[in-house]
C-alpha atoms as a PDB file:
ATOM      1  CA  MET A   1      12.052 -30.319  -9.677  1.00  0.00           C
ATOM      2  CA  ASN A   2      13.749 -27.066 -10.680  1.00  0.00           C
ATOM      3  CA  TYR A   3      15.597 -26.570 -13.934  1.00  0.00           C
ATOM      4  CA  LEU A   4      18.168 -24.013 -14.958  1.00  0.00           C
ATOM      5  CA  ILE A   5      19.099 -23.581 -18.617  1.00  0.00           C
ATOM      6  CA  ALA A   6      22.036 -21.467 -19.748  1.00  0.00           C
ATOM      7  CA  VAL A   7      22.913 -20.760 -23.385  1.00  0.00           C
ATOM      8  CA  LEU A   8      26.632 -20.643 -24.123  1.00  0.00           C
ATOM      9  CA  PRO A   9      28.161 -19.630 -27.462  1.00  0.00           C
ATOM     10  CA  ASP A  10      30.655 -22.458 -27.987  1.00  0.00           C
ATOM     11  CA  LYS A  11      31.771 -25.921 -26.970  1.00  0.00           C
ATOM     12  CA  SER A  12      34.799 -24.810 -24.927  1.00  0.00           C
ATOM     13  CA  GLN A  13      32.706 -22.525 -22.721  1.00  0.00           C
ATOM     14  CA  ALA A  14      30.079 -25.240 -22.268  1.00  0.00           C
ATOM     15  CA  GLU A  15      32.730 -27.748 -21.209  1.00  0.00           C
ATOM     16  CA  ALA A  16      34.352 -25.214 -18.855  1.00  0.00           C
ATOM     17  CA  ALA A  17      30.968 -24.421 -17.291  1.00  0.00           C
ATOM     18  CA  TYR A  18      30.228 -28.142 -16.887  1.00  0.00           C
ATOM     19  CA  SER A  19      33.604 -28.656 -15.186  1.00  0.00           C
ATOM     20  CA  ALA A  20      33.051 -25.694 -12.875  1.00  0.00           C
ATOM     21  CA  LEU A  21      29.641 -27.006 -11.858  1.00  0.00           C
ATOM     22  CA  THR A  22      30.949 -30.500 -11.091  1.00  0.00           C
ATOM     23  CA  LYS A  23      33.921 -29.057  -9.151  1.00  0.00           C
ATOM     24  CA  GLU A  24      31.463 -27.138  -6.965  1.00  0.00           C
ATOM     25  CA  GLY A  25      29.760 -30.366  -5.922  1.00  0.00           C
ATOM     26  CA  LEU A  26      27.011 -30.899  -8.492  1.00  0.00           C
ATOM     27  CA  SER A  27      26.844 -34.493  -9.578  1.00  0.00           C
ATOM     28  CA  PRO A  28      27.148 -35.315 -13.304  1.00  0.00           C
ATOM     29  CA  ASN A  29      23.609 -36.711 -13.349  1.00  0.00           C
ATOM     30  CA  GLN A  30      22.296 -33.243 -12.373  1.00  0.00           C
ATOM     31  CA  VAL A  31      24.079 -31.397 -15.198  1.00  0.00           C
ATOM     32  CA  ASP A  32      23.734 -31.986 -18.941  1.00  0.00           C
ATOM     33  CA  ILE A  33      25.254 -30.401 -22.020  1.00  0.00           C
ATOM     34  CA  LEU A  34      23.093 -30.135 -25.118  1.00  0.00           C
ATOM     35  CA  GLY A  35      24.706 -29.345 -28.432  1.00  0.00           C
ATOM     36  CA  ASN A  36      26.822 -30.759 -31.231  1.00  0.00           C
ATOM     37  CA  GLY A  37      28.654 -33.827 -29.911  1.00  0.00           C
ATOM     38  CA  TYR A  38      26.489 -34.054 -26.782  1.00  0.00           C
ATOM     39  CA  LYS A  39      22.810 -34.664 -26.159  1.00  0.00           C
ATOM     40  CA  SER A  40      20.436 -33.378 -28.817  1.00  0.00           C
ATOM     41  CA  ALA A  41      17.122 -31.593 -28.407  1.00  0.00           C
ATOM     42  CA  ASP A  42      15.338 -34.851 -29.214  1.00  0.00           C
ATOM     43  CA  ASP A  43      17.382 -36.795 -26.639  1.00  0.00           C
ATOM     44  CA  TYR A  44      16.376 -34.245 -24.025  1.00  0.00           C
ATOM     45  CA  LYS A  45      12.770 -34.290 -25.215  1.00  0.00           C
ATOM     46  CA  LEU A  46      12.569 -30.610 -26.097  1.00  0.00           C
ATOM     47  CA  ILE A  47       9.241 -30.213 -27.827  1.00  0.00           C
ATOM     48  CA  ASP A  48       9.291 -30.487 -31.601  1.00  0.00           C
ATOM     49  CA  PRO A  49       7.198 -27.582 -32.956  1.00  0.00           C
ATOM     50  CA  ASN A  50       5.973 -29.686 -35.884  1.00  0.00           C
ATOM     51  CA  GLN A  51       4.641 -32.292 -33.474  1.00  0.00           C
ATOM     52  CA  GLN A  52       2.801 -29.566 -31.529  1.00  0.00           C
ATOM     53  CA  ALA A  53       1.324 -28.258 -34.781  1.00  0.00           C
ATOM     54  CA  ARG A  54       0.002 -31.716 -35.668  1.00  0.00           C
ATOM     55  CA  LYS A  55      -1.520 -32.088 -32.209  1.00  0.00           C
ATOM     56  CA  GLY A  56      -3.200 -28.684 -32.483  1.00  0.00           C
ATOM     57  CA  ALA A  57      -4.650 -29.510 -35.888  1.00  0.00           C
ATOM     58  CA  LYS A  58      -5.867 -32.926 -34.732  1.00  0.00           C
ATOM     59  CA  ARG A  59      -7.541 -31.412 -31.672  1.00  0.00           C
ATOM     60  CA  LEU A  60      -9.504 -28.992 -33.881  1.00  0.00           C
ATOM     61  CA  LEU A  61     -10.504 -31.714 -36.344  1.00  0.00           C
ATOM     62  CA  TYR A  62     -12.809 -33.299 -33.764  1.00  0.00           C
ATOM     63  CA  TRP A  63     -14.836 -30.088 -33.558  1.00  0.00           C
ATOM     64  CA  LEU A  64     -14.594 -28.538 -36.984  1.00  0.00           C
ATOM     65  CA  ILE A  65     -15.529 -31.514 -39.170  1.00  0.00           C
ATOM     66  CA  PRO A  66     -18.942 -32.136 -37.541  1.00  0.00           C
ATOM     67  CA  PHE A  67     -19.588 -28.410 -37.154  1.00  0.00           C
ATOM     68  CA  GLY A  68     -18.614 -27.797 -40.795  1.00  0.00           C
ATOM     69  CA  PHE A  69     -20.900 -30.589 -41.985  1.00  0.00           C
ATOM     70  CA  ILE A  70     -23.875 -29.252 -39.998  1.00  0.00           C
ATOM     71  CA  ALA A  71     -23.193 -25.672 -41.106  1.00  0.00           C
ATOM     72  CA  GLY A  72     -22.813 -26.695 -44.774  1.00  0.00           C
ATOM     73  CA  TYR A  73     -25.977 -28.818 -44.647  1.00  0.00           C
ATOM     74  CA  ALA A  74     -27.956 -26.023 -42.965  1.00  0.00           C
ATOM     75  CA  PHE A  75     -26.670 -23.391 -45.384  1.00  0.00           C
ATOM     76  CA  ASN A  76     -27.682 -25.472 -48.384  1.00  0.00           C
ATOM     77  CA  TYR A  77     -31.051 -26.287 -46.804  1.00  0.00           C
ATOM     78  CA  LEU A  78     -31.806 -22.628 -46.063  1.00  0.00           C
ATOM     79  CA  THR A  79     -30.626 -21.206 -49.402  1.00  0.00           C
ATOM     80  CA  GLY A  80     -31.886 -24.015 -51.619  1.00  0.00           C
ATOM     81  CA  ILE A  81     -28.825 -23.798 -53.872  1.00  0.00           C
ATOM     82  CA  LYS A  82     -28.723 -26.584 -56.482  1.00  0.00           C
ATOM     83  CA  ILE A  83     -25.153 -27.907 -56.546  1.00  0.00           C
ATOM     84  CA  LEU A  84     -26.000 -30.830 -58.819  1.00  0.00           C
ATOM     85  CA  ALA A  85     -29.157 -31.757 -60.697  1.00  0.00           C
ATOM     86  CA  ILE A  86     -30.252 -34.288 -58.066  1.00  0.00           C
ATOM     87  CA  ALA A  87     -32.796 -34.423 -55.258  1.00  0.00           C
ATOM     88  CA  ASP A  88     -32.747 -31.728 -52.588  1.00  0.00           C
ATOM     89  CA  ILE A  89     -31.457 -34.112 -49.883  1.00  0.00           C
ATOM     90  CA  GLY A  90     -28.490 -34.995 -52.117  1.00  0.00           C
ATOM     91  CA  ASN A  91     -27.622 -31.308 -52.500  1.00  0.00           C
ATOM     92  CA  HIS A  92     -27.910 -30.788 -48.737  1.00  0.00           C
ATOM     93  CA  ILE A  93     -25.532 -33.698 -48.099  1.00  0.00           C
ATOM     94  CA  ILE A  94     -23.061 -32.372 -50.688  1.00  0.00           C
ATOM     95  CA  GLY A  95     -23.273 -28.967 -48.982  1.00  0.00           C
ATOM     96  CA  GLY A  96     -22.541 -30.697 -45.668  1.00  0.00           C
ATOM     97  CA  LEU A  97     -19.542 -32.506 -47.149  1.00  0.00           C
ATOM     98  CA  LEU A  98     -18.189 -29.226 -48.526  1.00  0.00           C
ATOM     99  CA  GLY A  99     -18.658 -27.680 -45.072  1.00  0.00           C
ATOM    100  CA  ALA A 100     -16.790 -30.619 -43.492  1.00  0.00           C
ATOM    101  CA  ALA A 101     -13.959 -30.133 -46.016  1.00  0.00           C
ATOM    102  CA  SER A 102     -13.795 -26.484 -44.984  1.00  0.00           C
ATOM    103  CA  GLY A 103     -13.550 -27.662 -41.374  1.00  0.00           C
ATOM    104  CA  VAL A 104     -10.565 -29.851 -42.278  1.00  0.00           C
ATOM    105  CA  LEU A 105      -8.811 -26.899 -43.936  1.00  0.00           C
ATOM    106  CA  GLY A 106      -9.562 -24.680 -40.950  1.00  0.00           C
ATOM    107  CA  ALA A 107      -8.175 -27.253 -38.514  1.00  0.00           C
ATOM    108  CA  TYR A 108      -5.065 -27.745 -40.622  1.00  0.00           C
ATOM    109  CA  PHE A 109      -4.224 -24.069 -41.023  1.00  0.00           C
ATOM    110  CA  VAL A 110      -5.456 -22.584 -37.753  1.00  0.00           C
ATOM    111  CA  GLY A 111      -4.665 -25.512 -35.462  1.00  0.00           C
ATOM    112  CA  GLY A 112      -1.313 -26.086 -37.117  1.00  0.00           C
ATOM    113  CA  ALA A 113      -0.327 -22.426 -36.962  1.00  0.00           C
ATOM    114  CA  VAL A 114      -1.311 -22.095 -33.314  1.00  0.00           C
ATOM    115  CA  GLY A 115       0.486 -25.315 -32.392  1.00  0.00           C
ATOM    116  CA  LEU A 116       3.566 -24.216 -34.286  1.00  0.00           C
ATOM    117  CA  THR A 117       3.782 -20.741 -32.749  1.00  0.00           C
ATOM    118  CA  VAL A 118       2.328 -21.127 -29.262  1.00  0.00           C
ATOM    119  CA  GLY A 119       2.352 -24.802 -28.333  1.00  0.00           C
ATOM    120  CA  SER A 120       6.087 -25.223 -28.042  1.00  0.00           C
ATOM    121  CA  GLY A 121       6.816 -22.469 -25.521  1.00  0.00           C
ATOM    122  CA  ASP A 122      10.518 -21.798 -24.905  1.00  0.00           C
ATOM    123  CA  ALA A 123      11.517 -25.163 -26.356  1.00  0.00           C
ATOM    124  CA  LEU A 124      11.409 -23.721 -29.881  1.00  0.00           C
ATOM    125  CA  THR A 125      13.832 -20.962 -28.850  1.00  0.00           C
ATOM    126  CA  TYR A 126      16.233 -23.503 -27.389  1.00  0.00           C
ATOM    127  CA  ARG A 127      15.958 -25.750 -30.467  1.00  0.00           C
ATOM    128  CA  ASN A 128      16.781 -22.762 -32.684  1.00  0.00           C
ATOM    129  CA  ARG A 129      19.822 -21.928 -30.586  1.00  0.00           C
ATOM    130  CA  LEU A 130      21.052 -25.508 -30.779  1.00  0.00           C
ATOM    131  CA  ASP A 131      20.522 -25.442 -34.553  1.00  0.00           C
ATOM    132  CA  ALA A 132      22.627 -22.260 -34.670  1.00  0.00           C
ATOM    133  CA  GLY A 133      25.556 -24.110 -33.070  1.00  0.00           C
ATOM    134  CA  LYS A 134      25.084 -22.876 -29.499  1.00  0.00           C
ATOM    135  CA  TYR A 135      25.312 -25.112 -26.422  1.00  0.00           C
ATOM    136  CA  LEU A 136      22.925 -25.454 -23.507  1.00  0.00           C
ATOM    137  CA  ILE A 137      23.832 -26.335 -19.941  1.00  0.00           C
ATOM    138  CA  VAL A 138      20.851 -27.830 -18.105  1.00  0.00           C
ATOM    139  CA  VAL A 139      20.931 -28.182 -14.318  1.00  0.00           C
ATOM    140  CA  ARG A 140      18.236 -30.202 -12.502  1.00  0.00           C
ATOM    141  CA  GLY A 141      17.721 -30.148  -8.769  1.00  0.00           C
ATOM    142  CA  THR A 142      16.394 -28.267  -5.798  1.00  0.00           C
ATOM    143  CA  GLU A 143      15.883 -24.519  -5.689  1.00  0.00           C
ATOM    144  CA  GLU A 144      19.045 -24.136  -3.612  1.00  0.00           C
ATOM    145  CA  LEU A 145      21.053 -26.163  -6.124  1.00  0.00           C
ATOM    146  CA  THR A 146      19.820 -24.101  -9.078  1.00  0.00           C
ATOM    147  CA  ARG A 147      20.660 -20.879  -7.204  1.00  0.00           C
ATOM    148  CA  GLN A 148      24.194 -22.181  -6.642  1.00  0.00           C
ATOM    149  CA  ALA A 149      24.443 -23.155 -10.321  1.00  0.00           C
ATOM    150  CA  THR A 150      23.191 -19.703 -11.360  1.00  0.00           C
ATOM    151  CA  ARG A 151      26.026 -18.016  -9.462  1.00  0.00           C
ATOM    152  CA  ILE A 152      28.576 -20.312 -11.102  1.00  0.00           C
ATOM    153  CA  LEU A 153      27.149 -20.000 -14.617  1.00  0.00           C
ATOM    154  CA  ARG A 154      26.926 -16.190 -14.494  1.00  0.00           C
ATOM    155  CA  SER A 155      30.727 -16.063 -14.387  1.00  0.00           C
ATOM    156  CA  PHE A 156      30.742 -17.554 -17.914  1.00  0.00           C
ATOM    157  CA  GLU A 157      28.535 -14.720 -19.197  1.00  0.00           C
ATOM    158  CA  PRO A 158      25.892 -16.890 -20.891  1.00  0.00           C
ATOM    159  CA  GLU A 159      23.782 -15.406 -23.673  1.00  0.00           C
ATOM    160  CA  ASN A 160      20.708 -16.350 -21.696  1.00  0.00           C
ATOM    161  CA  ILE A 161      20.013 -18.014 -18.374  1.00  0.00           C
ATOM    162  CA  GLN A 162      16.518 -19.108 -17.418  1.00  0.00           C
ATOM    163  CA  GLY A 163      15.069 -21.025 -14.489  1.00  0.00           C
ATOM    164  CA  TYR A 164      11.978 -23.239 -14.598  1.00  0.00           C
ATOM    165  CA  VAL A 165       9.946 -25.029 -11.959  1.00  0.00           C
ATOM    166  CA  GLU A 166       8.297 -28.278 -13.026  1.00  0.00           C
ATOM    167  CA  PRO A 167       4.620 -28.247 -12.048  1.00  0.00           C
ATOM    168  CA  THR A 168       3.702 -30.805  -9.443  1.00  0.00           C
ATOM    169  CA  SER A 169       0.616 -32.935  -9.903  1.00  0.00           C
ATOM    170  CA  ALA A 170      -1.449 -33.250  -6.766  1.00  0.00           C
END
């Protein structure tokens, strides 16, 4: 499936573009308007950057907590630092727990930051444009259909027009 997304500055241009596309033979189920009064980013399942950040942090937690515990335990074992006045094994375990806590912080900050900035791709840009009051026209269909829609939409001088091809799973 091919997608074409055009960013238009206001509601009247978005409606005019939608009308022009349907007059040229595109069916209404192939064209959508996103913006105030129409579908939202969430309705269209544009990726929420906060959700991507949580996923990135969670993915790192599985590696960094055990690694942090082992590193903290080993560091305390090798240095012999007395954290509390208890047996050596107790200090090693406390060192491991502190290392695991460092792993949690690392996953939260690094995984969250990467998920927030990289994981959302162009969806974050489109969400920001919708939040700024812009409108998106989304056309779904074959490559030929999206080429036809591109010609039509260019006459409306969109701020941005971008085509995407959905990856096929074999």
